[in-house]
C-alpha atoms as a PDB file:
ATOM      1  CA  MET A   1     127.634  55.835  37.757  1.00  0.00           C
ATOM      2  CA  PHE A   2     129.888  58.976  38.463  1.00  0.00           C
ATOM      3  CA  GLY A   3     129.449  62.766  39.178  1.00  0.00           C
ATOM      4  CA  PRO A   4     131.615  65.572  40.298  1.00  0.00           C
ATOM      5  CA  PRO A   5     130.887  67.259  43.834  1.00  0.00           C
ATOM      6  CA  GLU A   6     129.169  70.068  44.191  1.00  0.00           C
ATOM      7  CA  SER A   7     132.124  72.805  44.556  1.00  0.00           C
ATOM      8  CA  ALA A   8     133.760  73.726  41.173  1.00  0.00           C
ATOM      9  CA  ASN A   9     137.334  74.388  43.438  1.00  0.00           C
ATOM     10  CA  PRO A  10     140.132  72.358  42.385  1.00  0.00           C
ATOM     11  CA  PHE A  11     139.946  68.822  43.758  1.00  0.00           C
ATOM     12  CA  ALA A  12     141.832  65.394  43.392  1.00  0.00           C
ATOM     13  CA  PHE A  13     139.181  62.824  42.436  1.00  0.00           C
ATOM     14  CA  ALA A  14     139.824  59.431  43.900  1.00  0.00           C
ATOM     15  CA  PHE A  15     137.631  56.907  42.186  1.00  0.00           C
ATOM     16  CA  ASP A  16     139.154  53.577  42.197  1.00  0.00           C
ATOM     17  CA  LEU A  17     141.549  51.876  44.536  1.00  0.00           C
ATOM     18  CA  LEU A  18     144.359  49.332  42.758  1.00  0.00           C
ATOM     19  CA  GLN A  19     146.743  48.615  45.759  1.00  0.00           C
ATOM     20  CA  LEU A  20     146.290  48.678  49.860  1.00  0.00           C
ATOM     21  CA  ASP A  21     148.916  47.983  52.570  1.00  0.00           C
ATOM     22  CA  GLY A  22     150.852  46.250  49.023  1.00  0.00           C
ATOM     23  CA  GLN A  23     148.243  43.932  48.295  1.00  0.00           C
ATOM     24  CA  GLU A  24     147.108  44.482  44.546  1.00  0.00           C
ATOM     25  CA  LEU A  25     143.584  44.895  43.670  1.00  0.00           C
ATOM     26  CA  PRO A  26     142.982  44.518  40.085  1.00  0.00           C
ATOM     27  CA  HIS A  27     141.240  40.919  40.333  1.00  0.00           C
ATOM     28  CA  VAL A  28     138.954  42.428  42.987  1.00  0.00           C
ATOM     29  CA  PRO A  29     135.603  43.376  41.716  1.00  0.00           C
ATOM     30  CA  TYR A  30     134.835  47.338  41.534  1.00  0.00           C
ATOM     31  CA  GLY A  31     131.977  47.338  44.124  1.00  0.00           C
ATOM     32  CA  GLU A  32     134.720  45.806  46.788  1.00  0.00           C
ATOM     33  CA  ARG A  33     137.474  48.154  45.402  1.00  0.00           C
ATOM     34  CA  CYS A  34     135.015  50.936  46.025  1.00  0.00           C
ATOM     35  CA  ALA A  35     134.062  49.794  49.270  1.00  0.00           C
ATOM     36  CA  GLN A  36     137.745  49.840  50.585  1.00  0.00           C
ATOM     37  CA  LEU A  37     138.314  52.760  49.027  1.00  0.00           C
ATOM     38  CA  GLU A  38     135.472  54.609  50.979  1.00  0.00           C
ATOM     39  CA  GLN A  39     136.888  53.178  54.214  1.00  0.00           C
ATOM     40  CA  LEU A  40     140.412  54.249  53.432  1.00  0.00           C
ATOM     41  CA  PHE A  41     138.658  58.128  53.122  1.00  0.00           C
ATOM     42  CA  THR A  42     136.914  57.367  56.808  1.00  0.00           C
ATOM     43  CA  ASP A  43     140.433  55.659  58.674  1.00  0.00           C
ATOM     44  CA  HIS A  44     142.391  58.325  57.436  1.00  0.00           C
ATOM     45  CA  GLY A  45     140.485  61.189  57.841  1.00  0.00           C
ATOM     46  CA  LEU A  46     140.795  62.553  54.083  1.00  0.00           C
ATOM     47  CA  SER A  47     139.483  65.503  53.347  1.00  0.00           C
ATOM     48  CA  ALA A  48     140.076  68.253  50.561  1.00  0.00           C
ATOM     49  CA  PRO A  49     141.449  68.713  48.251  1.00  0.00           C
ATOM     50  CA  TRP A  50     141.242  64.752  48.289  1.00  0.00           C
ATOM     51  CA  THR A  51     137.553  64.047  47.468  1.00  0.00           C
ATOM     52  CA  LEU A  52     135.901  60.802  47.252  1.00  0.00           C
ATOM     53  CA  CYS A  53     133.881  60.443  43.369  1.00  0.00           C
ATOM     54  CA  PRO A  54     130.386  60.610  44.445  1.00  0.00           C
ATOM     55  CA  GLU A  55     128.496  57.207  43.056  1.00  0.00           C
ATOM     56  CA  THR A  56     124.819  56.166  42.493  1.00  0.00           C
ATOM     57  CA  THR A  57     123.210  53.402  41.127  1.00  0.00           C
ATOM     58  CA  ASP A  58     119.897  55.168  40.742  1.00  0.00           C
ATOM     59  CA  PRO A  59     119.047  56.280  37.215  1.00  0.00           C
ATOM     60  CA  ALA A  60     116.864  59.104  38.469  1.00  0.00           C
ATOM     61  CA  THR A  61     119.850  60.595  40.487  1.00  0.00           C
ATOM     62  CA  ALA A  62     122.481  60.035  37.586  1.00  0.00           C
ATOM     63  CA  LYS A  63     119.945  61.832  35.287  1.00  0.00           C
ATOM     64  CA  GLU A  64     120.184  64.614  37.844  1.00  0.00           C
ATOM     65  CA  TRP A  65     123.623  64.756  37.780  1.00  0.00           C
ATOM     66  CA  LEU A  66     124.069  64.958  33.870  1.00  0.00           C
ATOM     67  CA  THR A  67     121.728  67.608  33.563  1.00  0.00           C
ATOM     68  CA  SER A  68     122.991  69.877  36.329  1.00  0.00           C
ATOM     69  CA  TRP A  69     126.738  68.953  37.595  1.00  0.00           C
ATOM     70  CA  THR A  70     127.980  69.209  34.033  1.00  0.00           C
ATOM     71  CA  GLN A  71     127.153  73.229  34.268  1.00  0.00           C
ATOM     72  CA  VAL A  72     130.765  73.032  35.844  1.00  0.00           C
ATOM     73  CA  PRO A  73     133.418  73.837  33.412  1.00  0.00           C
ATOM     74  CA  GLY A  74     135.299  70.854  32.757  1.00  0.00           C
ATOM     75  CA  VAL A  75     132.710  68.423  33.944  1.00  0.00           C
ATOM     76  CA  GLU A  76     131.669  66.439  30.784  1.00  0.00           C
ATOM     77  CA  GLY A  77     129.277  63.758  31.926  1.00  0.00           C
ATOM     78  CA  LEU A  78     129.212  60.448  33.721  1.00  0.00           C
ATOM     79  CA  VAL A  79     130.997  57.353  33.886  1.00  0.00           C
ATOM     80  CA  ILE A  80     129.185  53.977  34.277  1.00  0.00           C
ATOM     81  CA  ARG A  81     130.942  50.952  34.876  1.00  0.00           C
ATOM     82  CA  GLY A  82     129.067  47.251  36.763  1.00  0.00           C
ATOM     83  CA  SER A  83     129.946  46.591  40.258  1.00  0.00           C
ATOM     84  CA  GLY A  84     131.412  43.372  39.403  1.00  0.00           C
ATOM     85  CA  GLN A  85     134.156  44.338  36.824  1.00  0.00           C
ATOM     86  CA  ARG A  86     137.707  43.695  37.802  1.00  0.00           C
ATOM     87  CA  TYR A  87     140.398  46.335  36.854  1.00  0.00           C
ATOM     88  CA  LEU A  88     141.448  45.317  33.082  1.00  0.00           C
ATOM     89  CA  PRO A  89     144.822  47.478  32.249  1.00  0.00           C
ATOM     90  CA  GLY A  90     144.597  48.907  28.823  1.00  0.00           C
ATOM     91  CA  VAL A  91     141.007  48.232  28.061  1.00  0.00           C
ATOM     92  CA  ARG A  92     138.519  50.724  27.426  1.00  0.00           C
ATOM     93  CA  ALA A  93     135.853  48.917  30.132  1.00  0.00           C
ATOM     94  CA  LEU A  94     133.776  52.184  31.271  1.00  0.00           C
ATOM     95  CA  TYR A  95     130.973  53.741  29.263  1.00  0.00           C
ATOM     96  CA  LYS A  96     131.261  57.428  29.276  1.00  0.00           C
ATOM     97  CA  VAL A  97     127.755  59.211  29.036  1.00  0.00           C
ATOM     98  CA  ARG A  98     128.755  63.038  27.703  1.00  0.00           C
ATOM     99  CA  ARG A  99     126.292  65.643  28.154  1.00  0.00           C
ATOM    100  CA  ARG A 100     125.453  67.291  24.815  1.00  0.00           C
ATOM    101  CA  ASP A 101     123.980  70.793  23.911  1.00  0.00           C
ATOM    102  CA  THR A 102     122.242  72.288  20.922  1.00  0.00           C
ATOM    103  CA  THR A 103     124.061  75.569  19.825  1.00  0.00           C
ATOM    104  CA  GLU A 104     125.152  77.641  16.922  1.00  0.00           C
ATOM    105  CA  ALA A 105     128.298  78.501  14.846  1.00  0.00           C
ATOM    106  CA  VAL A 106     129.376  80.220  11.706  1.00  0.00           C
ATOM    107  CA  VAL A 107     130.908  78.091   8.997  1.00  0.00           C
ATOM    108  CA  GLY A 108     134.275  79.267   7.988  1.00  0.00           C
ATOM    109  CA  ALA A 109     135.732  76.425   6.090  1.00  0.00           C
ATOM    110  CA  ILE A 110     135.466  72.698   5.138  1.00  0.00           C
ATOM    111  CA  THR A 111     137.259  70.182   4.248  1.00  0.00           C
ATOM    112  CA  GLY A 112     136.586  68.454   0.859  1.00  0.00           C
ATOM    113  CA  THR A 113     135.677  70.471  -1.769  1.00  0.00           C
ATOM    114  CA  VAL A 114     132.832  73.350  -1.977  1.00  0.00           C
ATOM    115  CA  ARG A 115     130.898  70.695  -4.119  1.00  0.00           C
ATOM    116  CA  ARG A 116     131.524  68.193  -1.922  1.00  0.00           C
ATOM    117  CA  PRO A 117     132.142  68.813   1.559  1.00  0.00           C
ATOM    118  CA  GLN A 118     132.850  66.179   4.041  1.00  0.00           C
ATOM    119  CA  THR A 119     133.527  68.243   7.509  1.00  0.00           C
ATOM    120  CA  LEU A 120     132.723  71.593   8.486  1.00  0.00           C
ATOM    121  CA  VAL A 121     135.328  74.310  10.614  1.00  0.00           C
ATOM    122  CA  LEU A 122     133.364  76.254  12.593  1.00  0.00           C
ATOM    123  CA  GLY A 123     133.627  79.463  14.102  1.00  0.00           C
ATOM    124  CA  ARG A 124     132.292  82.807  16.133  1.00  0.00           C
ATOM    125  CA  LEU A 125     132.753  86.199  16.408  1.00  0.00           C
ATOM    126  CA  ASP A 126     134.829  87.635  18.980  1.00  0.00           C
ATOM    127  CA  GLN A 127     134.335  91.543  20.199  1.00  0.00           C
ATOM    128  CA  THR A 128     136.330  92.984  17.279  1.00  0.00           C
ATOM    129  CA  GLY A 129     134.012  91.291  14.543  1.00  0.00           C
ATOM    130  CA  THR A 130     136.854  88.706  13.785  1.00  0.00           C
ATOM    131  CA  LEU A 131     136.080  85.166  13.146  1.00  0.00           C
ATOM    132  CA  ARG A 132     137.703  82.678  15.773  1.00  0.00           C
ATOM    133  CA  LEU A 133     137.722  78.819  15.531  1.00  0.00           C
ATOM    134  CA  VAL A 134     135.552  77.109  17.697  1.00  0.00           C
ATOM    135  CA  GLY A 135     135.379  73.341  16.219  1.00  0.00           C
ATOM    136  CA  ARG A 136     134.954  71.030  13.547  1.00  0.00           C
ATOM    137  CA  SER A 137     132.461  68.808  12.818  1.00  0.00           C
ATOM    138  CA  THR A 138     131.965  64.735  12.632  1.00  0.00           C
ATOM    139  CA  PRO A 139     131.665  63.990   8.659  1.00  0.00           C
ATOM    140  CA  LEU A 140     128.673  65.207   7.231  1.00  0.00           C
ATOM    141  CA  ARG A 141     125.467  62.968   6.074  1.00  0.00           C
ATOM    142  CA  PRO A 142     125.417  62.670   2.122  1.00  0.00           C
ATOM    143  CA  ASP A 143     122.268  64.846   2.560  1.00  0.00           C
ATOM    144  CA  ALA A 144     123.458  67.263   4.287  1.00  0.00           C
ATOM    145  CA  ALA A 145     126.426  67.893   2.176  1.00  0.00           C
ATOM    146  CA  ARG A 146     124.449  67.710  -1.156  1.00  0.00           C
ATOM    147  CA  ASP A 147     122.494  70.728   0.643  1.00  0.00           C
ATOM    148  CA  LEU A 148     125.815  72.899   1.676  1.00  0.00           C
ATOM    149  CA  ALA A 149     127.142  72.123  -1.232  1.00  0.00           C
ATOM    150  CA  GLU A 150     124.187  74.419  -3.075  1.00  0.00           C
ATOM    151  CA  ARG A 151     125.078  77.140  -0.533  1.00  0.00           C
ATOM    152  CA  LEU A 152     128.676  77.396   0.053  1.00  0.00           C
ATOM    153  CA  THR A 153     130.504  80.149  -1.469  1.00  0.00           C
ATOM    154  CA  PRO A 154     134.365  80.080  -1.594  1.00  0.00           C
ATOM    155  CA  ALA A 155     135.930  82.738   0.260  1.00  0.00           C
ATOM    156  CA  GLY A 156     137.249  86.063  -1.278  1.00  0.00           C
ATOM    157  CA  PRO A 157     139.875  88.102   0.068  1.00  0.00           C
ATOM    158  CA  GLY A 158     140.189  89.292   3.788  1.00  0.00           C
ATOM    159  CA  HIS A 159     138.730  85.797   5.442  1.00  0.00           C
ATOM    160  CA  SER A 160     139.883  85.874   9.139  1.00  0.00           C
ATOM    161  CA  TRP A 161     141.532  82.505   8.405  1.00  0.00           C
ATOM    162  CA  GLU A 162     143.583  83.429   5.728  1.00  0.00           C
ATOM    163  CA  GLY A 163     147.017  82.004   6.246  1.00  0.00           C
ATOM    164  CA  VAL A 164     145.779  80.008   9.465  1.00  0.00           C
ATOM    165  CA  ARG A 165     147.314  76.571  10.053  1.00  0.00           C
ATOM    166  CA  PHE A 166     144.518  73.790  10.950  1.00  0.00           C
ATOM    167  CA  THR A 167     145.618  70.799  12.403  1.00  0.00           C
ATOM    168  CA  THR A 168     143.515  67.307  12.436  1.00  0.00           C
ATOM    169  CA  SER A 169     142.306  67.077  16.043  1.00  0.00           C
ATOM    170  CA  TRP A 170     142.765  69.028  19.125  1.00  0.00           C
ATOM    171  CA  GLY A 171     146.336  68.397  20.134  1.00  0.00           C
ATOM    172  CA  SER A 172     147.028  67.015  16.897  1.00  0.00           C
ATOM    173  CA  ARG A 173     150.351  68.660  14.832  1.00  0.00           C
ATOM    174  CA  THR A 174     148.889  66.684  11.504  1.00  0.00           C
ATOM    175  CA  PRO A 175     148.169  69.453   9.115  1.00  0.00           C
ATOM    176  CA  LEU A 176     144.644  69.688   7.872  1.00  0.00           C
ATOM    177  CA  ASP A 177     143.880  70.807   4.679  1.00  0.00           C
ATOM    178  CA  VAL A 178     140.560  73.460   4.381  1.00  0.00           C
ATOM    179  CA  VAL A 179     138.525  75.306   1.941  1.00  0.00           C
ATOM    180  CA  LEU A 180     137.735  78.827   3.307  1.00  0.00           C
ATOM    181  CA  VAL A 181     134.016  79.820   2.725  1.00  0.00           C
ATOM    182  CA  GLU A 182     132.505  82.927   3.068  1.00  0.00           C
ATOM    183  CA  PRO A 183     131.461  83.080   6.568  1.00  0.00           C
ATOM    184  CA  GLU A 184     127.858  83.617   6.297  1.00  0.00           C
ATOM    185  CA  LEU A 185     125.768  80.387   6.651  1.00  0.00           C
ATOM    186  CA  VAL A 186     124.659  79.119  10.241  1.00  0.00           C
ATOM    187  CA  ALA A 187     124.704  75.698  11.433  1.00  0.00           C
ATOM    188  CA  GLU A 188     122.914  74.513  14.245  1.00  0.00           C
ATOM    189  CA  ILE A 189     125.287  71.938  16.181  1.00  0.00           C
ATOM    190  CA  THR A 190     125.474  69.471  19.218  1.00  0.00           C
ATOM    191  CA  VAL A 191     128.532  70.094  21.179  1.00  0.00           C
ATOM    192  CA  ASP A 192     129.662  68.377  24.614  1.00  0.00           C
ATOM    193  CA  THR A 193     130.948  70.413  27.259  1.00  0.00           C
ATOM    194  CA  ALA A 194     134.729  69.889  27.266  1.00  0.00           C
ATOM    195  CA  GLN A 195     135.976  73.688  26.007  1.00  0.00           C
ATOM    196  CA  GLU A 196     139.727  75.060  26.058  1.00  0.00           C
ATOM    197  CA  ARG A 197     140.570  78.489  24.756  1.00  0.00           C
ATOM    198  CA  GLY A 198     137.218  79.269  23.599  1.00  0.00           C
ATOM    199  CA  ALA A 199     136.981  76.193  21.357  1.00  0.00           C
ATOM    200  CA  TRP A 200     135.207  72.684  21.652  1.00  0.00           C
ATOM    201  CA  ARG A 201     138.062  69.894  22.249  1.00  0.00           C
ATOM    202  CA  HIS A 202     135.743  66.943  20.737  1.00  0.00           C
ATOM    203  CA  PRO A 203     134.189  67.331  17.477  1.00  0.00           C
ATOM    204  CA  VAL A 204     130.852  68.788  17.298  1.00  0.00           C
ATOM    205  CA  ARG A 205     127.739  67.230  15.009  1.00  0.00           C
ATOM    206  CA  PHE A 206     125.946  68.979  12.590  1.00  0.00           C
ATOM    207  CA  ALA A 207     122.320  69.168  12.965  1.00  0.00           C
ATOM    208  CA  ARG A 208     121.098  71.658  10.012  1.00  0.00           C
ATOM    209  CA  LEU A 209     121.832  74.920   8.443  1.00  0.00           C
ATOM    210  CA  ARG A 210     119.986  77.987  10.409  1.00  0.00           C
ATOM    211  CA  LEU A 211     119.095  80.215   7.178  1.00  0.00           C
ATOM    212  CA  ASP A 212     116.938  82.223   9.914  1.00  0.00           C
ATOM    213  CA  VAL A 213     119.753  82.957  11.765  1.00  0.00           C
ATOM    214  CA  ALA A 214     121.915  85.858  11.014  1.00  0.00           C
ATOM    215  CA  VAL A 215     125.691  85.473  11.608  1.00  0.00           C
ATOM    216  CA  THR A 216     125.754  88.075  14.522  1.00  0.00           C
ATOM    217  CA  ASP A 217     122.975  86.327  16.240  1.00  0.00           C
ATOM    218  CA  VAL A 218     125.271  83.430  17.050  1.00  0.00           C
ATOM    219  CA  PRO A 219     126.691  83.650  20.592  1.00  0.00           C
ATOM    220  CA  PRO A 220     130.034  84.980  20.479  1.00  0.00           C
ATOM    221  CA  PHE A 221     133.317  83.564  20.936  1.00  0.00           C
ATOM    222  CA  GLY A 222     133.491  81.906  24.378  1.00  0.00           C
ATOM    223  CA  ALA A 223     130.081  82.139  25.065  1.00  0.00           C
ATOM    224  CA  GLY A 224     129.904  78.294  25.782  1.00  0.00           C
ATOM    225  CA  ALA A 225     127.186  76.075  24.378  1.00  0.00           C
ATOM    226  CA  GLU A 226     124.007  78.874  24.624  1.00  0.00           C
ATOM    227  CA  PRO A 227     120.826  77.097  23.481  1.00  0.00           C
ATOM    228  CA  ALA A 228     120.130  77.684  19.709  1.00  0.00           C
ATOM    229  CA  SER A 229     117.192  80.018  18.703  1.00  0.00           C
ATOM    230  CA  SER A 230     114.175  77.980  17.910  1.00  0.00           C
END
């Protein structure tokens, strides 16, 4: 299991070694590659910005890393692999454990139709009161979609996202057709820590509607994943 160093400064993280002194190492078990990497750091006295990525086999330590070290911006969670694993090019042989937090956002648009919503497009208000995009949800469960369909209202003129072009995913150029709705419903969502320019890079998960929370009580745009109201 791997975690970040305690400093938030830029570092070059080294977590694997695939070649040493002209010898290819992909066939060598990861535990041995890691030991050689550690020895390489020792032999050459490598220091910042070169940083040996910490690792542990202790579940309690890994849990502490996942809880505390993911507070550093850009650190999403842990990577788990077996010490006997060989390096497999092009194969997803690592298991990622991302930290997920519960927070709130405003429903500003949907995919599908108002009566059959499929995913939510979510926003938060900035300092000027403008709704800013923060993320899109994974597909809604049927029961959640039915509940939302009874409460969604098609947007009237003046919606903050009029004329905004949406895409299917982060970094994609494929257009996404959305239906704007009145930004009056607050959704409780679970999110990971990967954000860029105020928006979550990965799809968020819809948990429930917060009919007891006003839009103005939602954390402001750029605030990250502040805990949801109880």
